[in-house]
């Protein structure tokens, strides 16, 4: 039993040691058709973005093209950035000087979603609704 606990402790410490450091990436978002989205940093470096399924769908939304964004995650290579899981709200858009959460709103059903596409209820297309992360739910 002690041996199992020892092995488990070693495995946990090794996996924690191999995690890359978390960082925040800021810059101008570029959405590309049939290619991953990128951020151009203030230093004019182009970084390719990736993320979980929710983040990937948001990164494919052409309505976000050209926005200044802030993404939390880690570099997987000097020119590649993995955005943290979407439940941690790692991707924000700057609008009118304020950071906003990317959400999608259905005016018919009053349903907020976190990926672009049709409303899950009425199937009408949702509208991009940049939402204050500290604001209460609802419109």
N, C-alpha and C. Protein backbone atom coordinates (compact mmCIF):
# COMPACT_ATOMS: atom_id res chain seq x y z
N UNK A 1 0.82 -1.19 0.00
CA UNK A 1 0.00 0.00 0.00
C UNK A 1 0.87 1.26 0.00
N UNK A 2 1.91 1.25 0.84
CA UNK A 2 2.81 2.41 0.88
C UNK A 2 3.51 2.60 -0.46
N UNK A 3 3.85 1.50 -1.09
CA UNK A 3 4.51 1.57 -2.39
C UNK A 3 3.60 2.25 -3.41
N UNK A 4 2.32 1.89 -3.42
CA UNK A 4 1.36 2.51 -4.35
C UNK A 4 1.24 4.00 -4.10
N UNK A 5 1.18 4.40 -2.83
CA UNK A 5 1.10 5.82 -2.51
C UNK A 5 2.37 6.55 -2.94
N UNK A 6 3.52 5.90 -2.76
CA UNK A 6 4.78 6.50 -3.18
C UNK A 6 4.81 6.70 -4.69
N UNK A 7 4.40 5.69 -5.44
CA UNK A 7 4.38 5.79 -6.91
C UNK A 7 3.40 6.88 -7.34
N UNK A 8 2.25 6.95 -6.71
CA UNK A 8 1.26 7.97 -7.03
C UNK A 8 1.80 9.37 -6.76
N UNK A 9 2.49 9.54 -5.64
CA UNK A 9 3.07 10.84 -5.30
C UNK A 9 4.13 11.25 -6.32
N UNK A 10 4.97 10.32 -6.72
CA UNK A 10 6.00 10.60 -7.72
C UNK A 10 5.36 10.98 -9.05
N UNK A 11 4.36 10.23 -9.48
CA UNK A 11 3.68 10.51 -10.75
C UNK A 11 3.02 11.89 -10.72
N UNK A 12 2.39 12.24 -9.62
CA UNK A 12 1.74 13.54 -9.51
C UNK A 12 2.76 14.67 -9.56
N UNK A 13 3.88 14.50 -8.90
CA UNK A 13 4.89 15.55 -8.91
C UNK A 13 5.54 15.69 -10.28
N UNK A 14 5.73 14.60 -10.99
CA UNK A 14 6.29 14.67 -12.33
C UNK A 14 5.34 15.34 -13.31
N UNK A 15 4.05 15.02 -13.22
CA UNK A 15 3.10 15.64 -14.14
C UNK A 15 2.96 17.12 -13.85
N UNK A 16 3.02 17.52 -12.59
CA UNK A 16 2.94 18.94 -12.24
C UNK A 16 4.19 19.68 -12.70
N UNK A 17 5.31 19.01 -12.68
CA UNK A 17 6.56 19.65 -13.08
C UNK A 17 6.64 19.87 -14.58
N UNK A 18 5.89 19.10 -15.37
CA UNK A 18 5.99 19.23 -16.82
C UNK A 18 4.99 20.21 -17.41
N UNK A 19 4.09 20.76 -16.59
CA UNK A 19 3.13 21.72 -17.11
C UNK A 19 3.84 23.03 -17.45
N UNK A 20 3.59 23.56 -18.65
CA UNK A 20 4.20 24.84 -19.00
C UNK A 20 3.57 25.97 -18.17
N UNK A 21 4.30 27.04 -17.96
CA UNK A 21 3.75 28.13 -17.16
C UNK A 21 2.58 28.81 -17.86
N UNK A 22 1.57 29.18 -17.08
CA UNK A 22 0.42 29.90 -17.63
C UNK A 22 0.82 31.34 -17.91
N UNK A 23 0.24 31.89 -18.96
CA UNK A 23 0.53 33.27 -19.33
C UNK A 23 -0.70 33.88 -19.98
N UNK A 24 -0.70 35.19 -20.13
CA UNK A 24 -1.77 35.89 -20.82
C UNK A 24 -1.20 36.46 -22.10
N UNK A 25 -1.86 36.16 -23.20
CA UNK A 25 -1.45 36.64 -24.52
C UNK A 25 -2.43 37.72 -24.95
N UNK A 26 -1.90 38.86 -25.38
CA UNK A 26 -2.73 39.97 -25.83
C UNK A 26 -2.35 40.35 -27.25
N UNK A 27 -3.36 40.75 -28.03
CA UNK A 27 -3.09 41.20 -29.38
C UNK A 27 -4.35 41.27 -30.21
N UNK A 28 -4.16 41.44 -31.51
CA UNK A 28 -5.26 41.58 -32.46
C UNK A 28 -5.58 40.21 -33.05
N UNK A 29 -6.85 39.83 -32.95
CA UNK A 29 -7.30 38.52 -33.43
C UNK A 29 -7.50 38.54 -34.94
N UNK A 30 -7.02 37.51 -35.61
CA UNK A 30 -7.25 37.33 -37.05
C UNK A 30 -7.89 35.97 -37.25
N UNK A 31 -9.09 35.98 -37.84
CA UNK A 31 -9.82 34.74 -38.15
C UNK A 31 -9.53 34.41 -39.61
N UNK A 32 -9.11 33.18 -39.86
CA UNK A 32 -8.76 32.75 -41.22
C UNK A 32 -9.69 31.63 -41.65
N UNK A 33 -10.13 31.70 -42.91
CA UNK A 33 -10.97 30.63 -43.44
C UNK A 33 -10.09 29.40 -43.70
N UNK A 34 -10.51 28.25 -43.22
CA UNK A 34 -9.80 26.98 -43.40
C UNK A 34 -8.39 26.97 -42.80
N UNK A 35 -8.18 27.78 -41.77
CA UNK A 35 -6.89 27.80 -41.07
C UNK A 35 -7.14 28.26 -39.63
N UNK A 36 -6.25 27.90 -38.72
CA UNK A 36 -6.44 28.32 -37.32
C UNK A 36 -6.38 29.84 -37.15
N UNK A 37 -7.08 30.33 -36.15
CA UNK A 37 -7.04 31.76 -35.83
C UNK A 37 -5.66 32.11 -35.27
N UNK A 38 -5.30 33.38 -35.42
CA UNK A 38 -4.01 33.85 -34.92
C UNK A 38 -4.20 35.16 -34.16
N UNK A 39 -3.21 35.47 -33.35
CA UNK A 39 -3.13 36.77 -32.68
C UNK A 39 -1.84 37.43 -33.15
N UNK A 40 -1.96 38.71 -33.52
CA UNK A 40 -0.76 39.49 -33.80
C UNK A 40 -0.47 40.32 -32.56
N UNK A 41 0.68 40.07 -31.95
CA UNK A 41 1.04 40.74 -30.70
C UNK A 41 1.51 42.17 -30.98
N UNK A 42 1.70 42.93 -29.91
CA UNK A 42 2.19 44.31 -30.04
C UNK A 42 3.58 44.32 -30.69
N UNK A 43 4.34 43.25 -30.52
CA UNK A 43 5.65 43.14 -31.14
C UNK A 43 5.61 42.59 -32.55
N UNK A 44 4.42 42.53 -33.15
CA UNK A 44 4.18 42.06 -34.52
C UNK A 44 4.55 40.60 -34.73
N UNK A 45 4.44 39.81 -33.68
CA UNK A 45 4.64 38.37 -33.78
C UNK A 45 3.27 37.73 -33.99
N UNK A 46 3.18 36.77 -34.91
CA UNK A 46 1.93 36.08 -35.18
C UNK A 46 1.94 34.74 -34.45
N UNK A 47 0.93 34.54 -33.59
CA UNK A 47 0.82 33.34 -32.76
C UNK A 47 -0.44 32.59 -33.17
N UNK A 48 -0.30 31.30 -33.47
CA UNK A 48 -1.44 30.44 -33.82
C UNK A 48 -2.12 29.97 -32.54
N UNK A 49 -3.47 30.05 -32.53
CA UNK A 49 -4.25 29.71 -31.35
C UNK A 49 -4.92 28.36 -31.47
N UNK A 50 -5.08 27.68 -30.34
CA UNK A 50 -5.88 26.45 -30.28
C UNK A 50 -6.55 26.42 -28.92
N UNK A 51 -7.57 25.56 -28.80
CA UNK A 51 -8.30 25.46 -27.55
C UNK A 51 -9.25 24.29 -27.57
N UNK A 52 -10.07 24.17 -26.54
CA UNK A 52 -11.05 23.09 -26.49
C UNK A 52 -12.13 23.33 -27.54
N UNK A 53 -13.12 22.46 -27.59
CA UNK A 53 -14.15 22.54 -28.62
C UNK A 53 -14.90 23.87 -28.60
N UNK A 54 -15.26 24.35 -27.43
CA UNK A 54 -15.97 25.63 -27.31
C UNK A 54 -15.10 26.78 -27.81
N UNK A 55 -13.87 26.83 -27.36
CA UNK A 55 -12.94 27.89 -27.79
C UNK A 55 -12.70 27.80 -29.30
N UNK A 56 -12.55 26.60 -29.83
CA UNK A 56 -12.32 26.44 -31.28
C UNK A 56 -13.47 26.98 -32.10
N UNK A 57 -14.70 26.77 -31.63
CA UNK A 57 -15.87 27.31 -32.35
C UNK A 57 -15.88 28.83 -32.30
N UNK A 58 -15.55 29.40 -31.15
CA UNK A 58 -15.48 30.86 -31.03
C UNK A 58 -14.39 31.41 -31.94
N UNK A 59 -13.24 30.73 -31.99
CA UNK A 59 -12.14 31.19 -32.83
C UNK A 59 -12.45 31.08 -34.32
N UNK A 60 -13.52 30.40 -34.67
CA UNK A 60 -13.94 30.30 -36.07
C UNK A 60 -14.99 31.33 -36.45
N UNK A 61 -15.41 32.17 -35.51
CA UNK A 61 -16.46 33.16 -35.76
C UNK A 61 -15.86 34.42 -36.39
N UNK A 62 -16.16 34.64 -37.66
CA UNK A 62 -15.60 35.77 -38.41
C UNK A 62 -16.01 37.12 -37.83
N UNK A 63 -17.08 37.17 -37.05
CA UNK A 63 -17.51 38.44 -36.44
C UNK A 63 -16.50 38.97 -35.43
N UNK A 64 -15.60 38.12 -34.97
CA UNK A 64 -14.59 38.53 -33.99
C UNK A 64 -13.29 38.99 -34.65
N UNK A 65 -13.20 38.87 -35.96
CA UNK A 65 -11.99 39.23 -36.69
C UNK A 65 -11.63 40.70 -36.43
N UNK A 66 -10.39 40.94 -36.05
CA UNK A 66 -9.89 42.30 -35.86
C UNK A 66 -10.03 42.85 -34.45
N UNK A 67 -10.70 42.14 -33.56
CA UNK A 67 -10.84 42.60 -32.18
C UNK A 67 -9.51 42.44 -31.44
N UNK A 68 -9.27 43.35 -30.50
CA UNK A 68 -8.18 43.17 -29.55
C UNK A 68 -8.67 42.15 -28.53
N UNK A 69 -7.84 41.15 -28.24
CA UNK A 69 -8.26 40.07 -27.35
C UNK A 69 -7.21 39.80 -26.28
N UNK A 70 -7.64 39.07 -25.27
CA UNK A 70 -6.77 38.61 -24.19
C UNK A 70 -7.07 37.13 -23.98
N UNK A 71 -6.05 36.29 -24.11
CA UNK A 71 -6.24 34.85 -23.95
C UNK A 71 -5.30 34.33 -22.87
N UNK A 72 -5.83 33.49 -21.98
CA UNK A 72 -5.01 32.88 -20.93
C UNK A 72 -4.75 31.44 -21.31
N UNK A 73 -3.52 31.01 -21.13
CA UNK A 73 -3.14 29.65 -21.47
C UNK A 73 -1.64 29.49 -21.39
N UNK A 74 -1.10 28.70 -22.32
CA UNK A 74 0.34 28.47 -22.33
C UNK A 74 0.84 28.23 -23.75
N UNK A 75 2.09 28.54 -23.95
CA UNK A 75 2.73 28.29 -25.24
C UNK A 75 3.09 26.82 -25.35
N UNK A 76 2.77 26.21 -26.49
CA UNK A 76 3.18 24.84 -26.76
C UNK A 76 4.39 24.83 -27.69
N UNK A 77 4.65 25.95 -28.31
CA UNK A 77 5.82 26.20 -29.16
C UNK A 77 5.97 27.72 -29.21
N UNK A 78 7.09 28.23 -29.69
CA UNK A 78 7.25 29.69 -29.71
C UNK A 78 6.16 30.44 -30.48
N UNK A 79 5.54 29.77 -31.47
CA UNK A 79 4.51 30.45 -32.27
C UNK A 79 3.13 29.80 -32.13
N UNK A 80 2.94 28.98 -31.09
CA UNK A 80 1.65 28.30 -30.87
C UNK A 80 1.22 28.47 -29.42
N UNK A 81 -0.08 28.78 -29.25
CA UNK A 81 -0.62 29.07 -27.92
C UNK A 81 -1.88 28.25 -27.70
N UNK A 82 -1.90 27.48 -26.61
CA UNK A 82 -3.05 26.66 -26.22
C UNK A 82 -3.84 27.45 -25.18
N UNK A 83 -5.09 27.81 -25.52
CA UNK A 83 -5.94 28.55 -24.60
C UNK A 83 -6.49 27.59 -23.55
N UNK A 84 -6.56 28.04 -22.31
CA UNK A 84 -7.08 27.22 -21.21
C UNK A 84 -8.51 26.78 -21.49
N UNK A 85 -9.01 25.76 -20.77
CA UNK A 85 -10.39 25.27 -20.98
C UNK A 85 -11.43 26.39 -20.82
N UNK A 86 -12.48 26.30 -21.62
CA UNK A 86 -13.47 27.38 -21.69
C UNK A 86 -14.18 27.64 -20.37
N UNK A 87 -14.30 26.65 -19.50
CA UNK A 87 -15.02 26.88 -18.24
C UNK A 87 -14.28 27.86 -17.31
N UNK A 88 -13.02 28.16 -17.62
CA UNK A 88 -12.25 29.11 -16.81
C UNK A 88 -12.34 30.54 -17.34
N UNK A 89 -13.13 30.74 -18.40
CA UNK A 89 -13.29 32.04 -19.08
C UNK A 89 -11.92 32.61 -19.45
N UNK A 90 -11.18 31.91 -20.31
CA UNK A 90 -9.82 32.31 -20.63
C UNK A 90 -9.71 33.26 -21.82
N UNK A 91 -10.82 33.56 -22.48
CA UNK A 91 -10.76 34.33 -23.73
C UNK A 91 -11.70 35.53 -23.62
N UNK A 92 -11.12 36.73 -23.64
CA UNK A 92 -11.89 37.96 -23.52
C UNK A 92 -11.58 38.88 -24.69
N UNK A 93 -12.56 39.70 -25.06
CA UNK A 93 -12.45 40.64 -26.17
C UNK A 93 -12.53 42.05 -25.61
N UNK A 94 -11.71 42.93 -26.14
CA UNK A 94 -11.74 44.32 -25.68
C UNK A 94 -12.71 45.11 -26.56
N UNK A 95 -13.71 45.74 -25.89
CA UNK A 95 -14.68 46.58 -26.60
C UNK A 95 -14.88 47.85 -25.78
N UNK A 96 -14.69 48.99 -26.41
CA UNK A 96 -14.83 50.28 -25.74
C UNK A 96 -13.97 50.37 -24.48
N UNK A 97 -12.78 49.80 -24.55
CA UNK A 97 -11.85 49.87 -23.44
C UNK A 97 -12.08 48.89 -22.31
N UNK A 98 -13.10 48.03 -22.45
CA UNK A 98 -13.42 47.06 -21.40
C UNK A 98 -13.29 45.64 -21.93
N UNK A 99 -12.86 44.73 -21.07
CA UNK A 99 -12.79 43.32 -21.46
C UNK A 99 -14.17 42.70 -21.35
N UNK A 100 -14.57 41.98 -22.39
CA UNK A 100 -15.89 41.36 -22.45
C UNK A 100 -15.77 39.88 -22.76
N UNK A 101 -16.72 39.12 -22.22
CA UNK A 101 -16.83 37.70 -22.50
C UNK A 101 -17.54 37.52 -23.84
N UNK A 102 -17.11 36.57 -24.63
CA UNK A 102 -17.77 36.29 -25.90
C UNK A 102 -18.95 35.37 -25.62
N UNK A 103 -20.16 35.87 -25.90
CA UNK A 103 -21.37 35.06 -25.76
C UNK A 103 -22.24 35.30 -26.97
N UNK A 104 -23.25 34.48 -27.10
CA UNK A 104 -24.19 34.56 -28.22
C UNK A 104 -25.60 34.54 -27.64
N UNK A 105 -26.47 35.41 -28.17
CA UNK A 105 -27.78 35.63 -27.58
C UNK A 105 -28.88 35.37 -28.59
N UNK A 106 -29.93 34.70 -28.14
CA UNK A 106 -31.13 34.50 -28.97
C UNK A 106 -32.20 35.46 -28.45
N UNK A 107 -32.59 36.42 -29.28
CA UNK A 107 -33.62 37.39 -28.89
C UNK A 107 -34.99 36.76 -28.76
N UNK A 108 -35.24 35.68 -29.48
CA UNK A 108 -36.54 35.03 -29.45
C UNK A 108 -36.72 34.27 -28.14
N UNK A 109 -35.74 33.47 -27.78
CA UNK A 109 -35.85 32.58 -26.62
C UNK A 109 -35.19 33.13 -25.35
N UNK A 110 -34.47 34.23 -25.48
CA UNK A 110 -33.71 34.81 -24.35
C UNK A 110 -32.76 33.78 -23.75
N UNK A 111 -32.04 33.10 -24.64
CA UNK A 111 -31.06 32.10 -24.22
C UNK A 111 -29.66 32.60 -24.58
N UNK A 112 -28.75 32.53 -23.62
CA UNK A 112 -27.35 32.87 -23.86
C UNK A 112 -26.58 31.57 -24.10
N UNK A 113 -25.71 31.60 -25.11
CA UNK A 113 -24.88 30.44 -25.39
C UNK A 113 -23.44 30.91 -25.48
N UNK A 114 -22.52 29.97 -25.52
CA UNK A 114 -21.10 30.30 -25.52
C UNK A 114 -20.39 29.87 -26.79
N UNK A 115 -21.16 29.40 -27.77
CA UNK A 115 -20.62 29.07 -29.09
C UNK A 115 -21.53 29.67 -30.15
N UNK A 116 -20.95 30.06 -31.29
CA UNK A 116 -21.79 30.60 -32.36
C UNK A 116 -22.63 29.51 -32.99
N UNK A 117 -23.70 29.93 -33.67
CA UNK A 117 -24.55 28.97 -34.36
C UNK A 117 -26.00 29.20 -34.03
N UNK A 118 -26.85 28.27 -34.45
CA UNK A 118 -28.28 28.43 -34.21
C UNK A 118 -28.63 28.23 -32.73
N UNK A 119 -29.72 28.88 -32.33
CA UNK A 119 -30.25 28.72 -30.97
C UNK A 119 -30.62 27.26 -30.77
N UNK A 120 -30.33 26.73 -29.61
CA UNK A 120 -30.64 25.33 -29.34
C UNK A 120 -32.14 25.09 -29.18
N UNK A 121 -32.92 26.16 -29.06
CA UNK A 121 -34.37 26.02 -28.90
C UNK A 121 -35.09 26.25 -30.23
N UNK A 122 -35.02 27.49 -30.75
CA UNK A 122 -35.80 27.84 -31.94
C UNK A 122 -35.04 27.67 -33.25
N UNK A 123 -33.73 27.45 -33.17
CA UNK A 123 -32.85 27.23 -34.32
C UNK A 123 -32.58 28.50 -35.14
N UNK A 124 -33.01 29.67 -34.65
CA UNK A 124 -32.63 30.92 -35.32
C UNK A 124 -31.18 31.22 -34.98
N UNK A 125 -30.49 31.93 -35.87
CA UNK A 125 -29.09 32.27 -35.65
C UNK A 125 -28.96 33.20 -34.44
N UNK A 126 -28.02 32.89 -33.56
CA UNK A 126 -27.77 33.75 -32.40
C UNK A 126 -26.93 34.95 -32.83
N UNK A 127 -27.01 36.02 -32.06
CA UNK A 127 -26.23 37.22 -32.35
C UNK A 127 -25.06 37.29 -31.37
N UNK A 128 -23.95 37.82 -31.86
CA UNK A 128 -22.78 38.02 -31.01
C UNK A 128 -23.14 39.03 -29.93
N UNK A 129 -22.91 38.68 -28.68
CA UNK A 129 -23.23 39.55 -27.55
C UNK A 129 -22.04 39.56 -26.61
N UNK A 130 -21.21 40.61 -26.73
CA UNK A 130 -20.05 40.73 -25.86
C UNK A 130 -20.55 41.17 -24.49
N UNK A 131 -20.32 40.31 -23.51
CA UNK A 131 -20.98 40.40 -22.20
C UNK A 131 -19.96 40.72 -21.11
N UNK A 132 -20.30 41.66 -20.25
CA UNK A 132 -19.44 41.99 -19.11
C UNK A 132 -19.35 40.76 -18.21
N UNK A 133 -18.14 40.24 -17.96
CA UNK A 133 -18.02 39.01 -17.16
C UNK A 133 -18.54 39.16 -15.73
N UNK A 134 -18.63 40.38 -15.22
CA UNK A 134 -19.11 40.59 -13.86
C UNK A 134 -20.61 40.89 -13.80
N UNK A 135 -21.25 41.03 -14.96
CA UNK A 135 -22.68 41.35 -15.00
C UNK A 135 -23.50 40.10 -14.69
N UNK A 136 -24.68 40.28 -14.11
CA UNK A 136 -25.55 39.12 -13.87
C UNK A 136 -26.04 38.54 -15.18
N UNK A 137 -26.44 37.28 -15.14
CA UNK A 137 -26.98 36.62 -16.34
C UNK A 137 -28.23 37.33 -16.81
N UNK A 138 -28.59 37.10 -18.06
CA UNK A 138 -29.74 37.76 -18.66
C UNK A 138 -29.27 38.84 -19.59
N UNK A 139 -30.17 39.48 -20.25
CA UNK A 139 -29.81 40.49 -21.25
C UNK A 139 -29.76 41.86 -20.65
